[in-house]
N, C-alpha and C. Protein backbone atom coordinates (compact mmCIF):
# COMPACT_ATOMS: atom_id res chain seq x y z
N MET A 1 2.56 41.57 -17.02
CA MET A 1 2.68 40.17 -16.71
C MET A 1 1.28 39.63 -16.45
N THR A 2 0.94 38.57 -17.11
CA THR A 2 -0.38 37.97 -16.91
C THR A 2 -0.37 37.07 -15.70
N ARG A 3 -1.55 36.74 -15.26
CA ARG A 3 -1.69 35.83 -14.13
C ARG A 3 -1.00 34.51 -14.41
N TRP A 4 -1.11 34.01 -15.64
CA TRP A 4 -0.51 32.72 -15.98
C TRP A 4 1.00 32.75 -16.00
N SER A 5 1.59 33.89 -16.23
CA SER A 5 3.04 33.91 -16.29
C SER A 5 3.66 33.54 -14.94
N LEU A 6 2.92 33.71 -13.85
CA LEU A 6 3.43 33.31 -12.54
C LEU A 6 3.38 31.80 -12.34
N ALA A 7 2.35 31.16 -12.85
CA ALA A 7 2.19 29.72 -12.64
C ALA A 7 3.27 28.92 -13.32
N TRP A 8 3.89 29.49 -14.31
CA TRP A 8 4.88 28.73 -15.08
C TRP A 8 6.23 28.66 -14.38
N GLY A 9 6.35 29.27 -13.26
CA GLY A 9 7.64 29.31 -12.59
C GLY A 9 7.87 28.20 -11.58
N CYS A 10 7.39 27.00 -11.84
CA CYS A 10 7.62 25.93 -10.86
C CYS A 10 9.09 25.52 -10.89
N VAL A 11 9.56 25.10 -9.74
CA VAL A 11 10.94 24.65 -9.59
C VAL A 11 10.89 23.19 -9.17
N LEU A 12 11.81 22.41 -9.68
CA LEU A 12 11.78 20.97 -9.49
C LEU A 12 13.02 20.49 -8.77
N SER A 13 12.83 19.56 -7.84
CA SER A 13 13.97 18.89 -7.22
C SER A 13 13.59 17.44 -6.94
N LEU A 14 14.59 16.63 -6.74
CA LEU A 14 14.38 15.22 -6.46
C LEU A 14 14.94 14.91 -5.09
N LEU A 15 14.21 14.11 -4.33
CA LEU A 15 14.69 13.73 -3.01
C LEU A 15 15.39 12.39 -3.08
N GLY A 16 16.57 12.37 -2.55
CA GLY A 16 17.40 11.17 -2.52
C GLY A 16 18.77 11.60 -2.06
N ALA A 17 19.67 10.69 -1.96
CA ALA A 17 21.03 11.04 -1.56
C ALA A 17 21.69 11.84 -2.67
N SER A 18 22.31 12.94 -2.32
CA SER A 18 23.03 13.72 -3.32
C SER A 18 24.31 14.26 -2.70
N VAL A 19 25.22 14.66 -3.55
CA VAL A 19 26.51 15.15 -3.09
C VAL A 19 26.70 16.54 -3.66
N ALA A 20 26.99 17.51 -2.81
CA ALA A 20 27.24 18.87 -3.27
C ALA A 20 28.63 18.93 -3.87
N SER A 21 28.76 19.69 -4.95
CA SER A 21 30.04 19.78 -5.62
C SER A 21 30.15 21.11 -6.34
N ALA A 22 31.36 21.63 -6.45
CA ALA A 22 31.57 22.86 -7.20
C ALA A 22 31.56 22.57 -8.70
N GLN A 23 31.73 21.32 -9.07
CA GLN A 23 31.71 20.93 -10.47
C GLN A 23 30.30 20.49 -10.84
N ALA A 24 30.19 19.79 -11.93
CA ALA A 24 28.89 19.27 -12.33
C ALA A 24 28.33 18.39 -11.22
N PRO A 25 27.00 18.48 -10.98
CA PRO A 25 26.45 17.69 -9.88
C PRO A 25 26.59 16.20 -10.11
N THR A 26 26.87 15.49 -9.03
CA THR A 26 26.92 14.04 -9.08
C THR A 26 25.50 13.53 -9.23
N PRO A 27 25.24 12.60 -10.14
CA PRO A 27 23.87 12.11 -10.30
C PRO A 27 23.32 11.50 -9.01
N VAL A 28 22.07 11.78 -8.74
CA VAL A 28 21.37 11.23 -7.58
C VAL A 28 20.99 9.79 -7.92
N ARG A 29 21.27 8.88 -7.00
CA ARG A 29 20.98 7.46 -7.22
C ARG A 29 19.64 7.10 -6.59
N ASN A 30 18.77 6.52 -7.37
CA ASN A 30 17.48 5.99 -6.91
C ASN A 30 16.60 6.99 -6.14
N PRO A 31 16.38 8.19 -6.68
CA PRO A 31 15.47 9.10 -5.98
C PRO A 31 14.05 8.51 -5.99
N THR A 32 13.27 8.88 -5.00
CA THR A 32 11.92 8.33 -4.88
C THR A 32 10.82 9.38 -4.93
N THR A 33 11.18 10.63 -4.75
CA THR A 33 10.18 11.69 -4.63
C THR A 33 10.57 12.88 -5.48
N VAL A 34 9.57 13.46 -6.14
CA VAL A 34 9.76 14.70 -6.88
C VAL A 34 9.09 15.80 -6.07
N VAL A 35 9.77 16.96 -5.96
CA VAL A 35 9.23 18.10 -5.23
C VAL A 35 9.12 19.27 -6.20
N LEU A 36 7.90 19.76 -6.36
CA LEU A 36 7.66 20.93 -7.19
C LEU A 36 7.42 22.12 -6.28
N THR A 37 8.12 23.21 -6.50
CA THR A 37 7.81 24.45 -5.81
C THR A 37 6.86 25.20 -6.73
N VAL A 38 5.63 25.33 -6.31
CA VAL A 38 4.59 25.91 -7.15
C VAL A 38 4.48 27.41 -6.90
N SER A 39 3.78 28.09 -7.80
CA SER A 39 3.60 29.53 -7.65
C SER A 39 2.33 29.84 -6.87
N SER A 40 2.10 31.08 -6.62
CA SER A 40 0.88 31.49 -5.93
C SER A 40 -0.36 31.25 -6.78
N ASP A 41 -0.19 30.97 -8.06
CA ASP A 41 -1.32 30.67 -8.95
C ASP A 41 -1.60 29.17 -9.02
N HIS A 42 -1.08 28.40 -8.08
CA HIS A 42 -1.23 26.95 -8.08
C HIS A 42 -2.70 26.53 -8.18
N ALA A 43 -3.60 27.29 -7.60
CA ALA A 43 -5.02 26.93 -7.60
C ALA A 43 -5.61 26.89 -9.01
N THR A 44 -4.99 27.56 -9.97
CA THR A 44 -5.50 27.58 -11.35
C THR A 44 -4.90 26.48 -12.21
N VAL A 45 -3.93 25.73 -11.69
CA VAL A 45 -3.29 24.66 -12.44
C VAL A 45 -4.17 23.42 -12.38
N THR A 46 -4.42 22.81 -13.54
CA THR A 46 -5.25 21.60 -13.60
C THR A 46 -4.42 20.33 -13.48
N ARG A 47 -3.13 20.40 -13.82
CA ARG A 47 -2.23 19.26 -13.63
C ARG A 47 -0.80 19.70 -13.88
N TYR A 48 0.12 18.90 -13.36
CA TYR A 48 1.55 19.07 -13.62
C TYR A 48 2.02 17.86 -14.41
N GLU A 49 2.98 18.10 -15.28
CA GLU A 49 3.57 17.01 -16.06
C GLU A 49 5.07 16.99 -15.80
N LEU A 50 5.60 15.79 -15.63
CA LEU A 50 7.03 15.60 -15.41
C LEU A 50 7.63 15.01 -16.66
N GLY A 51 8.69 15.62 -17.16
CA GLY A 51 9.39 15.11 -18.33
C GLY A 51 10.74 14.55 -17.93
N PHE A 52 11.06 13.38 -18.48
CA PHE A 52 12.37 12.74 -18.29
C PHE A 52 13.19 13.02 -19.53
N PHE A 53 14.30 13.73 -19.37
CA PHE A 53 15.15 14.12 -20.49
C PHE A 53 16.51 13.47 -20.32
N GLN A 54 17.07 12.96 -21.41
CA GLN A 54 18.47 12.56 -21.36
C GLN A 54 19.28 13.85 -21.34
N VAL A 55 20.42 13.82 -20.69
CA VAL A 55 21.24 15.01 -20.54
C VAL A 55 21.55 15.60 -21.92
N GLY A 56 21.24 16.88 -22.12
CA GLY A 56 21.49 17.58 -23.37
C GLY A 56 20.34 17.53 -24.36
N ALA A 57 19.34 16.70 -24.12
CA ALA A 57 18.21 16.58 -25.05
C ALA A 57 17.23 17.73 -24.88
N ILE A 58 16.54 18.08 -25.96
CA ILE A 58 15.54 19.15 -25.87
C ILE A 58 14.12 18.61 -25.74
N ASP A 59 13.93 17.34 -26.05
CA ASP A 59 12.62 16.71 -25.93
C ASP A 59 12.68 15.57 -24.91
N PRO A 60 11.63 15.39 -24.12
CA PRO A 60 11.64 14.30 -23.15
C PRO A 60 11.50 12.94 -23.83
N VAL A 61 12.09 11.93 -23.21
CA VAL A 61 11.93 10.57 -23.71
C VAL A 61 10.70 9.93 -23.08
N GLN A 62 10.22 10.53 -22.00
CA GLN A 62 9.05 10.02 -21.30
C GLN A 62 8.42 11.17 -20.54
N THR A 63 7.11 11.19 -20.45
CA THR A 63 6.41 12.15 -19.60
C THR A 63 5.45 11.40 -18.68
N SER A 64 5.18 11.99 -17.55
CA SER A 64 4.25 11.41 -16.59
C SER A 64 3.36 12.51 -16.04
N ASP A 65 2.07 12.23 -15.96
CA ASP A 65 1.11 13.16 -15.40
C ASP A 65 1.19 13.05 -13.88
N LEU A 66 1.55 14.15 -13.22
CA LEU A 66 1.64 14.16 -11.76
C LEU A 66 0.35 14.59 -11.09
N GLY A 67 -0.61 15.04 -11.89
CA GLY A 67 -1.84 15.55 -11.31
C GLY A 67 -1.57 16.86 -10.60
N THR A 68 -2.28 17.09 -9.53
CA THR A 68 -2.07 18.28 -8.71
C THR A 68 -2.31 17.87 -7.27
N GLY A 69 -2.45 18.79 -6.41
CA GLY A 69 -2.67 18.49 -5.00
C GLY A 69 -2.42 19.73 -4.17
N ALA A 70 -2.54 19.58 -2.88
CA ALA A 70 -2.34 20.70 -1.97
C ALA A 70 -0.86 20.92 -1.73
N ALA A 71 -0.43 22.15 -1.92
CA ALA A 71 0.95 22.51 -1.62
C ALA A 71 1.09 22.76 -0.12
N ASP A 72 2.28 22.52 0.42
CA ASP A 72 2.51 22.76 1.84
C ASP A 72 2.74 24.25 2.10
N ALA A 73 3.06 24.60 3.32
CA ALA A 73 3.24 26.00 3.71
C ALA A 73 4.39 26.68 2.95
N ASN A 74 5.33 25.89 2.44
CA ASN A 74 6.46 26.45 1.68
C ASN A 74 6.21 26.42 0.18
N TRP A 75 4.98 26.18 -0.23
CA TRP A 75 4.58 26.11 -1.64
C TRP A 75 5.21 24.93 -2.36
N ASN A 76 5.48 23.86 -1.63
CA ASN A 76 6.03 22.65 -2.23
C ASN A 76 4.94 21.60 -2.39
N LEU A 77 4.99 20.90 -3.47
CA LEU A 77 4.10 19.79 -3.76
C LEU A 77 4.97 18.56 -3.95
N GLN A 78 4.80 17.54 -3.11
CA GLN A 78 5.62 16.32 -3.20
C GLN A 78 4.79 15.20 -3.80
N LYS A 79 5.39 14.48 -4.73
CA LYS A 79 4.75 13.35 -5.39
C LYS A 79 5.76 12.21 -5.50
N PRO A 80 5.29 10.97 -5.50
CA PRO A 80 6.20 9.85 -5.77
C PRO A 80 6.77 9.99 -7.18
N LEU A 81 8.04 9.71 -7.32
CA LEU A 81 8.67 9.78 -8.64
C LEU A 81 8.19 8.61 -9.48
N PRO A 82 7.58 8.87 -10.64
CA PRO A 82 7.11 7.77 -11.49
C PRO A 82 8.26 6.88 -11.94
N SER A 83 7.93 5.69 -12.34
CA SER A 83 8.92 4.72 -12.81
C SER A 83 9.59 5.21 -14.08
N TYR A 84 10.84 4.85 -14.25
CA TYR A 84 11.62 5.21 -15.43
C TYR A 84 12.66 4.14 -15.64
N PRO A 85 13.23 4.03 -16.85
CA PRO A 85 14.17 2.95 -17.16
C PRO A 85 15.40 2.92 -16.25
N ILE A 86 15.89 1.74 -16.03
CA ILE A 86 17.09 1.50 -15.21
C ILE A 86 18.35 1.82 -16.02
N GLY A 87 19.35 2.39 -15.34
CA GLY A 87 20.68 2.53 -15.91
C GLY A 87 20.89 3.71 -16.85
N VAL A 88 19.93 4.60 -16.97
CA VAL A 88 20.08 5.77 -17.85
C VAL A 88 20.08 7.01 -16.97
N ILE A 89 21.01 7.93 -17.23
CA ILE A 89 21.03 9.18 -16.48
C ILE A 89 20.05 10.15 -17.13
N TYR A 90 19.17 10.70 -16.31
CA TYR A 90 18.16 11.65 -16.76
C TYR A 90 18.27 12.95 -15.98
N ILE A 91 17.63 13.97 -16.52
CA ILE A 91 17.28 15.16 -15.77
C ILE A 91 15.76 15.26 -15.91
N ALA A 92 15.14 15.86 -14.95
CA ALA A 92 13.68 16.02 -14.99
C ALA A 92 13.35 17.50 -15.12
N LYS A 93 12.26 17.77 -15.80
CA LYS A 93 11.69 19.11 -15.89
C LYS A 93 10.19 18.96 -15.72
N ALA A 94 9.57 19.99 -15.19
CA ALA A 94 8.13 19.96 -14.99
C ALA A 94 7.49 21.12 -15.73
N ARG A 95 6.21 20.94 -16.02
CA ARG A 95 5.44 22.05 -16.56
C ARG A 95 4.02 21.97 -16.02
N ALA A 96 3.40 23.13 -15.99
CA ALA A 96 2.05 23.23 -15.47
C ALA A 96 1.07 23.35 -16.63
N TYR A 97 -0.12 22.84 -16.43
CA TYR A 97 -1.19 22.94 -17.41
C TYR A 97 -2.39 23.63 -16.77
N ALA A 98 -3.03 24.45 -17.55
CA ALA A 98 -4.36 24.98 -17.22
C ALA A 98 -5.23 24.51 -18.36
N ASN A 99 -5.96 23.43 -18.11
CA ASN A 99 -6.71 22.74 -19.16
C ASN A 99 -5.73 22.30 -20.23
N ASP A 100 -5.83 22.81 -21.47
CA ASP A 100 -4.92 22.39 -22.54
C ASP A 100 -3.74 23.33 -22.74
N LEU A 101 -3.66 24.39 -21.97
CA LEU A 101 -2.59 25.38 -22.11
C LEU A 101 -1.41 24.97 -21.22
N ALA A 102 -0.25 24.73 -21.85
CA ALA A 102 0.94 24.27 -21.11
C ALA A 102 1.95 25.39 -20.94
N SER A 103 2.65 25.36 -19.83
CA SER A 103 3.75 26.29 -19.61
C SER A 103 4.98 25.79 -20.33
N ASP A 104 6.04 26.58 -20.26
CA ASP A 104 7.35 26.11 -20.70
C ASP A 104 7.85 25.12 -19.65
N TRP A 105 8.85 24.33 -20.01
CA TRP A 105 9.45 23.41 -19.04
C TRP A 105 10.20 24.21 -17.99
N SER A 106 10.21 23.71 -16.78
CA SER A 106 10.95 24.32 -15.68
C SER A 106 12.45 24.15 -15.92
N PRO A 107 13.27 24.80 -15.11
CA PRO A 107 14.71 24.50 -15.15
C PRO A 107 14.93 23.02 -14.79
N SER A 108 16.06 22.49 -15.17
CA SER A 108 16.38 21.08 -14.96
C SER A 108 16.65 20.74 -13.51
N SER A 109 16.30 19.53 -13.15
CA SER A 109 16.71 18.98 -11.86
C SER A 109 18.17 18.58 -11.96
N ASP A 110 18.74 18.16 -10.85
CA ASP A 110 20.05 17.53 -10.90
C ASP A 110 19.90 16.21 -11.65
N PRO A 111 20.97 15.71 -12.26
CA PRO A 111 20.87 14.41 -12.93
C PRO A 111 20.57 13.31 -11.92
N PHE A 112 19.92 12.24 -12.40
CA PHE A 112 19.57 11.13 -11.54
C PHE A 112 19.50 9.85 -12.36
N TYR A 113 19.52 8.73 -11.65
CA TYR A 113 19.42 7.43 -12.32
C TYR A 113 18.86 6.41 -11.35
N ARG A 114 18.45 5.29 -11.90
CA ARG A 114 17.90 4.19 -11.09
C ARG A 114 18.74 2.95 -11.34
N THR A 115 19.10 2.29 -10.26
CA THR A 115 19.87 1.05 -10.37
C THR A 115 18.93 -0.14 -10.24
N PRO A 116 19.36 -1.30 -10.72
CA PRO A 116 18.53 -2.49 -10.55
C PRO A 116 18.35 -2.83 -9.08
N ALA A 117 17.24 -3.45 -8.77
CA ALA A 117 17.02 -3.94 -7.41
C ALA A 117 17.99 -5.09 -7.18
N PRO A 118 18.41 -5.25 -5.93
CA PRO A 118 19.29 -6.39 -5.67
C PRO A 118 18.56 -7.69 -5.98
N PRO A 119 19.29 -8.69 -6.42
CA PRO A 119 18.62 -9.96 -6.73
C PRO A 119 17.98 -10.54 -5.47
N SER A 120 16.81 -11.14 -5.67
CA SER A 120 16.15 -11.76 -4.52
C SER A 120 16.79 -13.12 -4.25
N ALA A 121 16.67 -13.57 -3.03
CA ALA A 121 17.23 -14.86 -2.66
C ALA A 121 16.44 -15.97 -3.35
N VAL A 122 17.12 -16.87 -3.94
CA VAL A 122 16.47 -18.00 -4.62
C VAL A 122 16.97 -19.28 -3.95
N ALA A 123 16.02 -20.07 -3.50
CA ALA A 123 16.40 -21.34 -2.88
C ALA A 123 16.61 -22.38 -3.98
N ILE A 124 17.77 -23.01 -3.97
CA ILE A 124 18.07 -24.07 -4.94
C ILE A 124 18.07 -25.38 -4.18
N ARG A 125 17.28 -26.30 -4.65
CA ARG A 125 17.19 -27.59 -3.94
C ARG A 125 17.58 -28.71 -4.84
């Protein structure tokens, strides 16, 4: 096993309200934070990339560069969840980069979606 094979084992989760179920997970509504559990080789990673996948798709419809940063004592790296389209159910996957060398995508997050913001109050005169 090479040193890099450890870095590719990041695990992804989304923070937001979720419901535990014995069946398929209920999609998380409006998550705001992505949590990557990084490997002990985190220091060699130059950036992480987050992919937004429609359920069942093999290619992401959108990717976002999460950069890197200091992991906490539990090897977690928390980042704000980048913007994504409203009303579509996605799963997220992450991958690590060492310069131009990319890992495989991580296992999928639970499904999630974003709802529209409530309408703002408009004064009619």
